[in-house]
Amino acid sequence: MLGSFPLIAFIATRAPDLAKRFYRDVLGLRLVREDAFELVFDAHGIRLDISIVQDLVAAKYTVLGWHVPDILAVVRQIEKAGIKLERFPNMAQDERGIWTAPSGAKVAWFSDPDGNLLSINQF
């Protein structure tokens, strides 16, 4: 039913100024517009709406992820930007924080200023 329509991704922020700087200036997404209710970014053709909320409980699971061709190169860029990769107990992550799934996919996680868990993935 919805397979032929564009996807819109949603996450939330309590701190729109921090979110705007993070997603625009650090991650490099293009800010399309902003108002008192949301920040709207273009994430490589996918609309990302960041809703401005008063109360936020960050999920303990990944809420957004990017497919990248070279995870190590992107991890280096993330580290250079001062973003710390997340580590999880009982996961065999390498020295940089990259986990290799049983399928061979590689995944690394980091958080935005509100604690939303984000990932980069190399399949």
PDB file of N, CA and C in Angstrom:
ATOM      1  N   MET A   1       0.799  -1.194   0.000  1.00  0.00           N
ATOM      2  CA  MET A   1       0.000   0.000   0.000  1.00  0.00           C
ATOM      3  C   MET A   1       0.851   1.272   0.000  1.00  0.00           C
ATOM      4  N   LEU A   2       1.931   1.317   0.783  1.00  0.00           N
ATOM      5  CA  LEU A   2       2.751   2.529   0.871  1.00  0.00           C
ATOM      6  C   LEU A   2       4.102   2.395   0.173  1.00  0.00           C
ATOM      7  N   GLY A   3       4.356   1.268  -0.444  1.00  0.00           N
ATOM      8  CA  GLY A   3       5.655   1.015  -1.053  1.00  0.00           C
ATOM      9  C   GLY A   3       6.034   1.946  -2.185  1.00  0.00           C
ATOM     10  N   SER A   4       5.099   2.648  -2.766  1.00  0.00           N
ATOM     11  CA  SER A   4       5.428   3.547  -3.880  1.00  0.00           C
ATOM     12  C   SER A   4       5.486   5.017  -3.465  1.00  0.00           C
ATOM     13  N   PHE A   5       5.417   5.273  -2.161  1.00  0.00           N
ATOM     14  CA  PHE A   5       5.456   6.649  -1.668  1.00  0.00           C
ATOM     15  C   PHE A   5       6.760   6.919  -0.928  1.00  0.00           C
ATOM     16  N   PRO A   6       7.221   8.180  -0.947  1.00  0.00           N
ATOM     17  CA  PRO A   6       8.465   8.514  -0.254  1.00  0.00           C
ATOM     18  C   PRO A   6       8.348   8.349   1.259  1.00  0.00           C
ATOM     19  N   LEU A   7       9.419   7.899   1.852  1.00  0.00           N
ATOM     20  CA  LEU A   7       9.505   7.732   3.296  1.00  0.00           C
ATOM     21  C   LEU A   7       9.892   9.057   3.943  1.00  0.00           C
ATOM     22  N   ILE A   8       9.322   9.347   5.112  1.00  0.00           N
ATOM     23  CA  ILE A   8       9.722  10.469   5.954  1.00  0.00           C
ATOM     24  C   ILE A   8      10.198   9.870   7.266  1.00  0.00           C
ATOM     25  N   ALA A   9      11.385  10.248   7.712  1.00  0.00           N
ATOM     26  CA  ALA A   9      11.910   9.765   8.989  1.00  0.00           C
ATOM     27  C   ALA A   9      11.673  10.836  10.055  1.00  0.00           C
ATOM     28  N   PHE A  10      11.363  10.406  11.272  1.00  0.00           N
ATOM     29  CA  PHE A  10      11.093  11.318  12.377  1.00  0.00           C
ATOM     30  C   PHE A  10      11.961  10.956  13.574  1.00  0.00           C
ATOM     31  N   ILE A  11      12.514  11.967  14.204  1.00  0.00           N
ATOM     32  CA  ILE A  11      13.112  11.827  15.526  1.00  0.00           C
ATOM     33  C   ILE A  11      12.764  13.091  16.301  1.00  0.00           C
ATOM     34  N   ALA A  12      13.154  13.157  17.548  1.00  0.00           N
ATOM     35  CA  ALA A  12      12.778  14.301  18.381  1.00  0.00           C
ATOM     36  C   ALA A  12      14.002  14.942  19.019  1.00  0.00           C
ATOM     37  N   THR A  13      13.835  16.212  19.397  1.00  0.00           N
ATOM     38  CA  THR A  13      14.878  16.943  20.104  1.00  0.00           C
ATOM     39  C   THR A  13      14.246  17.853  21.148  1.00  0.00           C
ATOM     40  N   ARG A  14      14.955  18.019  22.242  1.00  0.00           N
ATOM     41  CA  ARG A  14      14.604  19.040  23.238  1.00  0.00           C
ATOM     42  C   ARG A  14      15.399  20.304  22.992  1.00  0.00           C
ATOM     43  N   ALA A  15      16.472  20.191  22.229  1.00  0.00           N
ATOM     44  CA  ALA A  15      17.417  21.293  22.025  1.00  0.00           C
ATOM     45  C   ALA A  15      17.600  21.547  20.527  1.00  0.00           C
ATOM     46  N   PRO A  16      16.684  22.269  19.903  1.00  0.00           N
ATOM     47  CA  PRO A  16      16.756  22.434  18.448  1.00  0.00           C
ATOM     48  C   PRO A  16      18.037  23.100  17.946  1.00  0.00           C
ATOM     49  N   ASP A  17      18.599  24.025  18.699  1.00  0.00           N
ATOM     50  CA  ASP A  17      19.843  24.660  18.256  1.00  0.00           C
ATOM     51  C   ASP A  17      20.989  23.657  18.206  1.00  0.00           C
ATOM     52  N   LEU A  18      21.082  22.795  19.231  1.00  0.00           N
ATOM     53  CA  LEU A  18      22.113  21.750  19.224  1.00  0.00           C
ATOM     54  C   LEU A  18      21.866  20.742  18.112  1.00  0.00           C
ATOM     55  N   ALA A  19      20.608  20.356  17.935  1.00  0.00           N
ATOM     56  CA  ALA A  19      20.272  19.397  16.874  1.00  0.00           C
ATOM     57  C   ALA A  19      20.591  19.974  15.501  1.00  0.00           C
ATOM     58  N   LYS A  20      20.273  21.243  15.296  1.00  0.00           N
ATOM     59  CA  LYS A  20      20.552  21.867  14.001  1.00  0.00           C
ATOM     60  C   LYS A  20      22.047  21.868  13.718  1.00  0.00           C
ATOM     61  N   ARG A  21      22.843  22.257  14.697  1.00  0.00           N
ATOM     62  CA  ARG A  21      24.299  22.260  14.494  1.00  0.00           C
ATOM     63  C   ARG A  21      24.821  20.849  14.245  1.00  0.00           C
ATOM     64  N   PHE A  22      24.321  19.876  14.987  1.00  0.00           N
ATOM     65  CA  PHE A  22      24.799  18.501  14.849  1.00  0.00           C
ATOM     66  C   PHE A  22      24.461  17.928  13.476  1.00  0.00           C
ATOM     67  N   TYR A  23      23.198  17.974  13.102  1.00  0.00           N
ATOM     68  CA  TYR A  23      22.776  17.351  11.840  1.00  0.00           C
ATOM     69  C   TYR A  23      23.255  18.132  10.619  1.00  0.00           C
ATOM     70  N   ARG A  24      23.290  19.452  10.716  1.00  0.00           N
ATOM     71  CA  ARG A  24      23.723  20.270   9.577  1.00  0.00           C
ATOM     72  C   ARG A  24      25.247  20.391   9.524  1.00  0.00           C
ATOM     73  N   ASP A  25      25.851  20.858  10.614  1.00  0.00           N
ATOM     74  CA  ASP A  25      27.265  21.214  10.584  1.00  0.00           C
ATOM     75  C   ASP A  25      28.202  20.029  10.802  1.00  0.00           C
ATOM     76  N   VAL A  26      27.777  19.063  11.597  1.00  0.00           N
ATOM     77  CA  VAL A  26      28.640  17.910  11.868  1.00  0.00           C
ATOM     78  C   VAL A  26      28.366  16.777  10.874  1.00  0.00           C
ATOM     79  N   LEU A  27      27.099  16.380  10.738  1.00  0.00           N
ATOM     80  CA  LEU A  27      26.775  15.262   9.844  1.00  0.00           C
ATOM     81  C   LEU A  27      26.639  15.681   8.381  1.00  0.00           C
ATOM     82  N   GLY A  28      26.443  16.959   8.127  1.00  0.00           N
ATOM     83  CA  GLY A  28      26.420  17.445   6.751  1.00  0.00           C
ATOM     84  C   GLY A  28      25.087  17.333   6.033  1.00  0.00           C
ATOM     85  N   LEU A  29      23.983  17.201   6.781  1.00  0.00           N
ATOM     86  CA  LEU A  29      22.672  17.173   6.138  1.00  0.00           C
ATOM     87  C   LEU A  29      22.245  18.596   5.797  1.00  0.00           C
ATOM     88  N   ARG A  30      21.492  18.724   4.717  1.00  0.00           N
ATOM     89  CA  ARG A  30      21.036  20.050   4.290  1.00  0.00           C
ATOM     90  C   ARG A  30      19.753  20.408   5.029  1.00  0.00           C
ATOM     91  N   LEU A  31      19.791  21.553   5.728  1.00  0.00           N
ATOM     92  CA  LEU A  31      18.603  22.055   6.418  1.00  0.00           C
ATOM     93  C   LEU A  31      17.673  22.653   5.369  1.00  0.00           C
ATOM     94  N   VAL A  32      16.461  22.124   5.283  1.00  0.00           N
ATOM     95  CA  VAL A  32      15.478  22.585   4.310  1.00  0.00           C
ATOM     96  C   VAL A  32      14.672  23.742   4.879  1.00  0.00           C
ATOM     97  N   ARG A  33      14.222  23.579   6.126  1.00  0.00           N
ATOM     98  CA  ARG A  33      13.491  24.650   6.798  1.00  0.00           C
ATOM     99  C   ARG A  33      13.419  24.361   8.287  1.00  0.00           C
ATOM    100  N   GLU A  34      13.059  25.400   9.011  1.00  0.00           N
ATOM    101  CA  GLU A  34      12.861  25.248  10.448  1.00  0.00           C
ATOM    102  C   GLU A  34      11.765  26.198  10.896  1.00  0.00           C
ATOM    103  N   ASP A  35      11.050  25.791  11.930  1.00  0.00           N
ATOM    104  CA  ASP A  35      10.047  26.654  12.542  1.00  0.00           C
ATOM    105  C   ASP A  35       9.971  26.283  14.023  1.00  0.00           C
ATOM    106  N   ALA A  36       8.974  26.751  14.714  1.00  0.00           N
ATOM    107  CA  ALA A  36       8.860  26.512  16.150  1.00  0.00           C
ATOM    108  C   ALA A  36       8.520  25.067  16.488  1.00  0.00           C
ATOM    109  N   PHE A  37       8.170  24.256  15.476  1.00  0.00           N
ATOM    110  CA  PHE A  37       7.738  22.889  15.723  1.00  0.00           C
ATOM    111  C   PHE A  37       8.725  21.821  15.274  1.00  0.00           C
ATOM    112  N   GLU A  38       9.550  22.153  14.262  1.00  0.00           N
ATOM    113  CA  GLU A  38      10.433  21.121  13.713  1.00  0.00           C
ATOM    114  C   GLU A  38      11.583  21.715  12.916  1.00  0.00           C
ATOM    115  N   LEU A  39      12.590  20.877  12.742  1.00  0.00           N
ATOM    116  CA  LEU A  39      13.682  21.114  11.799  1.00  0.00           C
ATOM    117  C   LEU A  39      13.493  20.085  10.696  1.00  0.00           C
ATOM    118  N   VAL A  40      13.603  20.508   9.452  1.00  0.00           N
ATOM    119  CA  VAL A  40      13.439  19.576   8.338  1.00  0.00           C
ATOM    120  C   VAL A  40      14.739  19.541   7.555  1.00  0.00           C
ATOM    121  N   PHE A  41      15.289  18.331   7.417  1.00  0.00           N
ATOM    122  CA  PHE A  41      16.542  18.125   6.702  1.00  0.00           C
ATOM    123  C   PHE A  41      16.310  17.237   5.487  1.00  0.00           C
ATOM    124  N   ASP A  42      17.191  17.381   4.521  1.00  0.00           N
ATOM    125  CA  ASP A  42      17.251  16.472   3.382  1.00  0.00           C
ATOM    126  C   ASP A  42      18.396  15.502   3.669  1.00  0.00           C
ATOM    127  N   ALA A  43      18.067  14.241   3.857  1.00  0.00           N
ATOM    128  CA  ALA A  43      19.056  13.202   4.125  1.00  0.00           C
ATOM    129  C   ALA A  43      19.200  12.356   2.863  1.00  0.00           C
ATOM    130  N   HIS A  44      19.900  12.885   1.889  1.00  0.00           N
ATOM    131  CA  HIS A  44      20.137  12.209   0.610  1.00  0.00           C
ATOM    132  C   HIS A  44      18.831  11.790  -0.056  1.00  0.00           C
ATOM    133  N   GLY A  45      17.903  12.753  -0.114  1.00  0.00           N
ATOM    134  CA  GLY A  45      16.625  12.500  -0.760  1.00  0.00           C
ATOM    135  C   GLY A  45      15.520  12.010   0.161  1.00  0.00           C
ATOM    136  N   ILE A  46      15.848  11.701   1.397  1.00  0.00           N
ATOM    137  CA  ILE A  46      14.848  11.294   2.389  1.00  0.00           C
ATOM    138  C   ILE A  46      14.609  12.484   3.307  1.00  0.00           C
ATOM    139  N   ARG A  47      13.360  12.787   3.544  1.00  0.00           N
ATOM    140  CA  ARG A  47      13.026  13.886   4.445  1.00  0.00           C
ATOM    141  C   ARG A  47      13.188  13.414   5.887  1.00  0.00           C
ATOM    142  N   LEU A  48      13.976  14.153   6.656  1.00  0.00           N
ATOM    143  CA  LEU A  48      14.158  13.885   8.081  1.00  0.00           C
ATOM    144  C   LEU A  48      13.536  15.035   8.858  1.00  0.00           C
ATOM    145  N   ASP A  49      12.467  14.751   9.572  1.00  0.00           N
ATOM    146  CA  ASP A  49      11.810  15.739  10.422  1.00  0.00           C
ATOM    147  C   ASP A  49      12.277  15.537  11.850  1.00  0.00           C
ATOM    148  N   ILE A  50      12.840  16.566  12.421  1.00  0.00           N
ATOM    149  CA  ILE A  50      13.238  16.516  13.827  1.00  0.00           C
ATOM    150  C   ILE A  50      12.235  17.365  14.596  1.00  0.00           C
ATOM    151  N   SER A  51      11.349  16.695  15.299  1.00  0.00           N
ATOM    152  CA  SER A  51      10.286  17.354  16.048  1.00  0.00           C
ATOM    153  C   SER A  51      10.846  17.968  17.320  1.00  0.00           C
ATOM    154  N   ILE A  52      10.444  19.194  17.595  1.00  0.00           N
ATOM    155  CA  ILE A  52      10.869  19.874  18.818  1.00  0.00           C
ATOM    156  C   ILE A  52       9.852  19.534  19.902  1.00  0.00           C
ATOM    157  N   VAL A  53      10.343  18.901  20.967  1.00  0.00           N
ATOM    158  CA  VAL A  53       9.482  18.432  22.047  1.00  0.00           C
ATOM    159  C   VAL A  53       9.994  18.942  23.385  1.00  0.00           C
ATOM    160  N   GLN A  54       9.127  18.916  24.382  1.00  0.00           N
ATOM    161  CA  GLN A  54       9.547  19.312  25.722  1.00  0.00           C
ATOM    162  C   GLN A  54      10.094  18.132  26.509  1.00  0.00           C
ATOM    163  N   ASP A  55       9.497  16.971  26.322  1.00  0.00           N
ATOM    164  CA  ASP A  55       9.921  15.769  27.034  1.00  0.00           C
ATOM    165  C   ASP A  55      10.390  14.746  26.019  1.00  0.00           C
ATOM    166  N   LEU A  56      11.532  14.165  26.301  1.00  0.00           N
ATOM    167  CA  LEU A  56      12.099  13.177  25.380  1.00  0.00           C
ATOM    168  C   LEU A  56      12.747  12.065  26.186  1.00  0.00           C
ATOM    169  N   VAL A  57      12.402  10.862  25.861  1.00  0.00           N
ATOM    170  CA  VAL A  57      13.075   9.691  26.405  1.00  0.00           C
ATOM    171  C   VAL A  57      13.752   9.021  25.216  1.00  0.00           C
ATOM    172  N   ALA A  58      15.069   9.097  25.196  1.00  0.00           N
ATOM    173  CA  ALA A  58      15.801   8.528  24.064  1.00  0.00           C
ATOM    174  C   ALA A  58      15.670   7.011  24.071  1.00  0.00           C
ATOM    175  N   ALA A  59      15.422   6.460  22.903  1.00  0.00           N
ATOM    176  CA  ALA A  59      15.326   5.006  22.759  1.00  0.00           C
ATOM    177  C   ALA A  59      16.698   4.372  22.974  1.00  0.00           C
ATOM    178  N   LYS A  60      16.715   3.163  23.461  1.00  0.00           N
ATOM    179  CA  LYS A  60      17.968   2.441  23.689  1.00  0.00           C
ATOM    180  C   LYS A  60      18.307   1.550  22.504  1.00  0.00           C
ATOM    181  N   TYR A  61      17.732   1.874  21.372  1.00  0.00           N
ATOM    182  CA  TYR A  61      17.981   1.142  20.129  1.00  0.00           C
ATOM    183  C   TYR A  61      18.165   2.164  19.015  1.00  0.00           C
ATOM    184  N   THR A  62      18.654   1.715  17.888  1.00  0.00           N
ATOM    185  CA  THR A  62      18.937   2.602  16.764  1.00  0.00           C
ATOM    186  C   THR A  62      17.645   3.186  16.203  1.00  0.00           C
ATOM    187  N   VAL A  63      17.646   4.519  16.038  1.00  0.00           N
ATOM    188  CA  VAL A  63      16.472   5.176  15.466  1.00  0.00           C
ATOM    189  C   VAL A  63      16.727   5.677  14.045  1.00  0.00           C
ATOM    190  N   LEU A  64      17.979   5.888  13.672  1.00  0.00           N
ATOM    191  CA  LEU A  64      18.355   6.282  12.315  1.00  0.00           C
ATOM    192  C   LEU A  64      19.676   5.630  11.975  1.00  0.00           C
ATOM    193  N   GLY A  65      19.828   5.262  10.718  1.00  0.00           N
ATOM    194  CA  GLY A  65      21.092   4.683  10.287  1.00  0.00           C
ATOM    195  C   GLY A  65      21.395   5.053   8.849  1.00  0.00           C
ATOM    196  N   TRP A  66      22.665   5.026   8.517  1.00  0.00           N
ATOM    197  CA  TRP A  66      23.112   5.335   7.162  1.00  0.00           C
ATOM    198  C   TRP A  66      23.912   4.167   6.605  1.00  0.00           C
ATOM    199  N   HIS A  67      23.637   3.820   5.361  1.00  0.00           N
ATOM    200  CA  HIS A  67      24.428   2.816   4.662  1.00  0.00           C
ATOM    201  C   HIS A  67      25.619   3.541   4.059  1.00  0.00           C
ATOM    202  N   VAL A  68      26.823   3.110   4.403  1.00  0.00           N
ATOM    203  CA  VAL A  68      28.044   3.759   3.912  1.00  0.00           C
ATOM    204  C   VAL A  68      28.892   2.725   3.176  1.00  0.00           C
ATOM    205  N   PRO A  69      29.662   3.153   2.168  1.00  0.00           N
ATOM    206  CA  PRO A  69      30.474   2.196   1.418  1.00  0.00           C
ATOM    207  C   PRO A  69      31.750   1.777   2.148  1.00  0.00           C
ATOM    208  N   ASP A  70      32.270   2.640   3.037  1.00  0.00           N
ATOM    209  CA  ASP A  70      33.531   2.370   3.742  1.00  0.00           C
ATOM    210  C   ASP A  70      33.361   2.817   5.190  1.00  0.00           C
ATOM    211  N   ILE A  71      32.973   1.891   6.055  1.00  0.00           N
ATOM    212  CA  ILE A  71      32.659   2.252   7.437  1.00  0.00           C
ATOM    213  C   ILE A  71      33.874   2.804   8.174  1.00  0.00           C
ATOM    214  N   LEU A  72      35.048   2.271   7.911  1.00  0.00           N
ATOM    215  CA  LEU A  72      36.241   2.755   8.604  1.00  0.00           C
ATOM    216  C   LEU A  72      36.520   4.209   8.260  1.00  0.00           C
ATOM    217  N   ALA A  73      36.360   4.596   7.006  1.00  0.00           N
ATOM    218  CA  ALA A  73      36.572   5.988   6.604  1.00  0.00           C
ATOM    219  C   ALA A  73      35.575   6.912   7.300  1.00  0.00           C
ATOM    220  N   VAL A  74      34.322   6.482   7.391  1.00  0.00           N
ATOM    221  CA  VAL A  74      33.313   7.311   8.043  1.00  0.00           C
ATOM    222  C   VAL A  74      33.555   7.358   9.548  1.00  0.00           C
ATOM    223  N   VAL A  75      33.964   6.253  10.150  1.00  0.00           N
ATOM    224  CA  VAL A  75      34.293   6.251  11.579  1.00  0.00           C
ATOM    225  C   VAL A  75      35.402   7.257  11.850  1.00  0.00           C
ATOM    226  N   ARG A  76      36.402   7.287  11.007  1.00  0.00           N
ATOM    227  CA  ARG A  76      37.491   8.269  11.186  1.00  0.00           C
ATOM    228  C   ARG A  76      36.960   9.695  11.130  1.00  0.00           C
ATOM    229  N   GLN A  77      36.043   9.976  10.208  1.00  0.00           N
ATOM    230  CA  GLN A  77      35.453  11.313  10.113  1.00  0.00           C
ATOM    231  C   GLN A  77      34.629  11.636  11.356  1.00  0.00           C
ATOM    232  N   ILE A  78      33.880  10.660  11.833  1.00  0.00           N
ATOM    233  CA  ILE A  78      33.074  10.851  13.043  1.00  0.00           C
ATOM    234  C   ILE A  78      33.973  11.153  14.237  1.00  0.00           C
ATOM    235  N   GLU A  79      35.044  10.378  14.384  1.00  0.00           N
ATOM    236  CA  GLU A  79      35.980  10.607  15.487  1.00  0.00           C
ATOM    237  C   GLU A  79      36.641  11.974  15.362  1.00  0.00           C
ATOM    238  N   LYS A  80      37.019  12.353  14.142  1.00  0.00           N
ATOM    239  CA  LYS A  80      37.653  13.661  13.911  1.00  0.00           C
ATOM    240  C   LYS A  80      36.714  14.798  14.291  1.00  0.00           C
ATOM    241  N   ALA A  81      35.405  14.595  14.128  1.00  0.00           N
ATOM    242  CA  ALA A  81      34.415  15.604  14.496  1.00  0.00           C
ATOM    243  C   ALA A  81      34.157  15.641  16.000  1.00  0.00           C
ATOM    244  N   GLY A  82      34.833  14.766  16.753  1.00  0.00           N
ATOM    245  CA  GLY A  82      34.686  14.747  18.201  1.00  0.00           C
ATOM    246  C   GLY A  82      33.531  13.913  18.709  1.00  0.00           C
ATOM    247  N   ILE A  83      32.978  13.079  17.860  1.00  0.00           N
ATOM    248  CA  ILE A  83      31.867  12.216  18.259  1.00  0.00           C
ATOM    249  C   ILE A  83      32.429  10.889  18.743  1.00  0.00           C
ATOM    250  N   LYS A  84      31.966  10.468  19.901  1.00  0.00           N
ATOM    251  CA  LYS A  84      32.419   9.207  20.482  1.00  0.00           C
ATOM    252  C   LYS A  84      31.500   8.070  20.026  1.00  0.00           C
ATOM    253  N   LEU A  85      32.096   6.999  19.558  1.00  0.00           N
ATOM    254  CA  LEU A  85      31.303   5.824  19.190  1.00  0.00           C
ATOM    255  C   LEU A  85      30.837   5.110  20.451  1.00  0.00           C
ATOM    256  N   GLU A  86      29.654   4.546  20.372  1.00  0.00           N
ATOM    257  CA  GLU A  86      29.065   3.817  21.500  1.00  0.00           C
ATOM    258  C   GLU A  86      29.634   2.404  21.565  1.00  0.00           C
ATOM    259  N   ARG A  87      29.755   1.919  22.773  1.00  0.00           N
ATOM    260  CA  ARG A  87      30.173   0.532  23.012  1.00  0.00           C
ATOM    261  C   ARG A  87      29.091  -0.139  23.839  1.00  0.00           C
ATOM    262  N   PHE A  88      28.865  -1.415  23.542  1.00  0.00           N
ATOM    263  CA  PHE A  88      27.815  -2.154  24.219  1.00  0.00           C
ATOM    264  C   PHE A  88      28.398  -3.412  24.839  1.00  0.00           C
ATOM    265  N   PRO A  89      27.969  -3.725  26.068  1.00  0.00           N
ATOM    266  CA  PRO A  89      28.475  -4.942  26.707  1.00  0.00           C
ATOM    267  C   PRO A  89      28.067  -6.184  25.914  1.00  0.00           C
ATOM    268  N   ASN A  90      28.926  -7.152  25.948  1.00  0.00           N
ATOM    269  CA  ASN A  90      28.684  -8.449  25.311  1.00  0.00           C
ATOM    270  C   ASN A  90      28.593  -8.384  23.788  1.00  0.00           C
ATOM    271  N   MET A  91      29.123  -7.321  23.200  1.00  0.00           N
ATOM    272  CA  MET A  91      29.201  -7.240  21.734  1.00  0.00           C
ATOM    273  C   MET A  91      30.678  -7.190  21.373  1.00  0.00           C
ATOM    274  N   ALA A  92      31.070  -8.000  20.434  1.00  0.00           N
ATOM    275  CA  ALA A  92      32.475  -8.075  20.028  1.00  0.00           C
ATOM    276  C   ALA A  92      32.798  -6.945  19.050  1.00  0.00           C
ATOM    277  N   GLN A  93      32.881  -5.728  19.591  1.00  0.00           N
ATOM    278  CA  GLN A  93      33.251  -4.573  18.770  1.00  0.00           C
ATOM    279  C   GLN A  93      34.767  -4.478  18.718  1.00  0.00           C
ATOM    280  N   ASP A  94      35.298  -4.016  17.588  1.00  0.00           N
ATOM    281  CA  ASP A  94      36.744  -3.885  17.477  1.00  0.00           C
ATOM    282  C   ASP A  94      37.239  -2.668  18.252  1.00  0.00           C
ATOM    283  N   GLU A  95      38.524  -2.379  18.144  1.00  0.00           N
ATOM    284  CA  GLU A  95      39.126  -1.289  18.923  1.00  0.00           C
ATOM    285  C   GLU A  95      38.515   0.074  18.618  1.00  0.00           C
ATOM    286  N   ARG A  96      37.900   0.240  17.481  1.00  0.00           N
ATOM    287  CA  ARG A  96      37.262   1.517  17.117  1.00  0.00           C
ATOM    288  C   ARG A  96      35.792   1.544  17.520  1.00  0.00           C
ATOM    289  N   GLY A  97      35.201   0.391  17.787  1.00  0.00           N
ATOM    290  CA  GLY A  97      33.787   0.319  18.126  1.00  0.00           C
ATOM    291  C   GLY A  97      32.928  -0.251  17.022  1.00  0.00           C
ATOM    292  N   ILE A  98      33.549  -0.843  16.001  1.00  0.00           N
ATOM    293  CA  ILE A  98      32.804  -1.436  14.886  1.00  0.00           C
ATOM    294  C   ILE A  98      32.493  -2.890  15.211  1.00  0.00           C
ATOM    295  N   TRP A  99      31.232  -3.262  15.050  1.00  0.00           N
ATOM    296  CA  TRP A  99      30.783  -4.634  15.275  1.00  0.00           C
ATOM    297  C   TRP A  99      30.559  -5.298  13.929  1.00  0.00           C
ATOM    298  N   THR A 100      30.986  -6.538  13.803  1.00  0.00           N
ATOM    299  CA  THR A 100      30.723  -7.321  12.601  1.00  0.00           C
ATOM    300  C   THR A 100      29.617  -8.313  12.915  1.00  0.00           C
ATOM    301  N   ALA A 101      28.494  -8.166  12.212  1.00  0.00           N
ATOM    302  CA  ALA A 101      27.336  -9.040  12.406  1.00  0.00           C
ATOM    303  C   ALA A 101      27.614 -10.416  11.813  1.00  0.00           C
ATOM    304  N   PRO A 102      26.846 -11.431  12.209  1.00  0.00           N
ATOM    305  CA  PRO A 102      27.017 -12.763  11.617  1.00  0.00           C
ATOM    306  C   PRO A 102      26.912 -12.756  10.089  1.00  0.00           C
ATOM    307  N   SER A 103      26.151 -11.825   9.532  1.00  0.00           N
ATOM    308  CA  SER A 103      26.006 -11.734   8.074  1.00  0.00           C
ATOM    309  C   SER A 103      27.236 -11.146   7.394  1.00  0.00           C
ATOM    310  N   GLY A 104      28.140 -10.573   8.197  1.00  0.00           N
ATOM    311  CA  GLY A 104      29.307  -9.895   7.643  1.00  0.00           C
ATOM    312  C   GLY A 104      29.150  -8.389   7.579  1.00  0.00           C
ATOM    313  N   ALA A 105      27.939  -7.896   7.796  1.00  0.00           N
ATOM    314  CA  ALA A 105      27.712  -6.446   7.832  1.00  0.00           C
ATOM    315  C   ALA A 105      28.494  -5.848   8.995  1.00  0.00           C
ATOM    316  N   LYS A 106      28.950  -4.635   8.804  1.00  0.00           N
ATOM    317  CA  LYS A 106      29.679  -3.920   9.856  1.00  0.00           C
ATOM    318  C   LYS A 106      28.825  -2.739  10.305  1.00  0.00           C
ATOM    319  N   VAL A 107      28.776  -2.528  11.641  1.00  0.00           N
ATOM    320  CA  VAL A 107      27.927  -1.493  12.212  1.00  0.00           C
ATOM    321  C   VAL A 107      28.692  -0.763  13.305  1.00  0.00           C
ATOM    322  N   ALA A 108      28.516   0.564  13.358  1.00  0.00           N
ATOM    323  CA  ALA A 108      29.028   1.371  14.457  1.00  0.00           C
ATOM    324  C   ALA A 108      27.927   2.334  14.870  1.00  0.00           C
ATOM    325  N   TRP A 109      27.881   2.655  16.158  1.00  0.00           N
ATOM    326  CA  TRP A 109      26.820   3.490  16.693  1.00  0.00           C
ATOM    327  C   TRP A 109      27.380   4.743  17.342  1.00  0.00           C
ATOM    328  N   PHE A 110      26.582   5.807  17.297  1.00  0.00           N
ATOM    329  CA  PHE A 110      26.903   7.049  17.996  1.00  0.00           C
ATOM    330  C   PHE A 110      25.588   7.728  18.335  1.00  0.00           C
ATOM    331  N   SER A 111      25.640   8.721  19.209  1.00  0.00           N
ATOM    332  CA  SER A 111      24.416   9.391  19.650  1.00  0.00           C
ATOM    333  C   SER A 111      24.416  10.854  19.239  1.00  0.00           C
ATOM    334  N   ASP A 112      23.218  11.383  19.035  1.00  0.00           N
ATOM    335  CA  ASP A 112      23.090  12.814  18.776  1.00  0.00           C
ATOM    336  C   ASP A 112      23.031  13.542  20.125  1.00  0.00           C
ATOM    337  N   PRO A 113      22.952  14.873  20.133  1.00  0.00           N
ATOM    338  CA  PRO A 113      22.961  15.598  21.413  1.00  0.00           C
ATOM    339  C   PRO A 113      21.819  15.245  22.361  1.00  0.00           C
ATOM    340  N   ASP A 114      20.718  14.703  21.850  1.00  0.00           N
ATOM    341  CA  ASP A 114      19.602  14.305  22.707  1.00  0.00           C
ATOM    342  C   ASP A 114      19.682  12.856  23.161  1.00  0.00           C
ATOM    343  N   GLY A 115      20.713  12.138  22.725  1.00  0.00           N
ATOM    344  CA  GLY A 115      20.850  10.738  23.095  1.00  0.00           C
ATOM    345  C   GLY A 115      20.173   9.779  22.139  1.00  0.00           C
ATOM    346  N   ASN A 116      19.646  10.281  21.013  1.00  0.00           N
ATOM    347  CA  ASN A 116      19.088   9.389  19.993  1.00  0.00           C
ATOM    348  C   ASN A 116      20.217   8.554  19.414  1.00  0.00           C
ATOM    349  N   LEU A 117      20.040   7.249  19.371  1.00  0.00           N
ATOM    350  CA  LEU A 117      21.084   6.341  18.901  1.00  0.00           C
ATOM    351  C   LEU A 117      21.041   6.237  17.374  1.00  0.00           C
ATOM    352  N   LEU A 118      22.165   6.537  16.750  1.00  0.00           N
ATOM    353  CA  LEU A 118      22.315   6.538  15.300  1.00  0.00           C
ATOM    354  C   LEU A 118      23.352   5.494  14.919  1.00  0.00           C
ATOM    355  N   SER A 119      23.309   5.039  13.674  1.00  0.00           N
ATOM    356  CA  SER A 119      24.299   4.045  13.256  1.00  0.00           C
ATOM    357  C   SER A 119      24.785   4.318  11.845  1.00  0.00           C
ATOM    358  N   ILE A 120      25.946   3.766  11.571  1.00  0.00           N
ATOM    359  CA  ILE A 120      26.444   3.669  10.205  1.00  0.00           C
ATOM    360  C   ILE A 120      26.642   2.185   9.935  1.00  0.00           C
ATOM    361  N   ASN A 121      26.317   1.797   8.709  1.00  0.00           N
ATOM    362  CA  ASN A 121      26.280   0.380   8.352  1.00  0.00           C
ATOM    363  C   ASN A 121      26.953   0.156   7.016  1.00  0.00           C
ATOM    364  N   GLN A 122      27.793  -0.855   6.969  1.00  0.00           N
ATOM    365  CA  GLN A 122      28.398  -1.280   5.705  1.00  0.00           C
ATOM    366  C   GLN A 122      27.961  -2.701   5.463  1.00  0.00           C
ATOM    367  N   PHE A 123      27.201  -2.927   4.382  1.00  0.00           N
ATOM    368  CA  PHE A 123      26.705  -4.272   4.069  1.00  0.00           C
ATOM    369  C   PHE A 123      27.644  -4.970   3.136  1.00  0.00           C
TER     370      PHE A 123
END
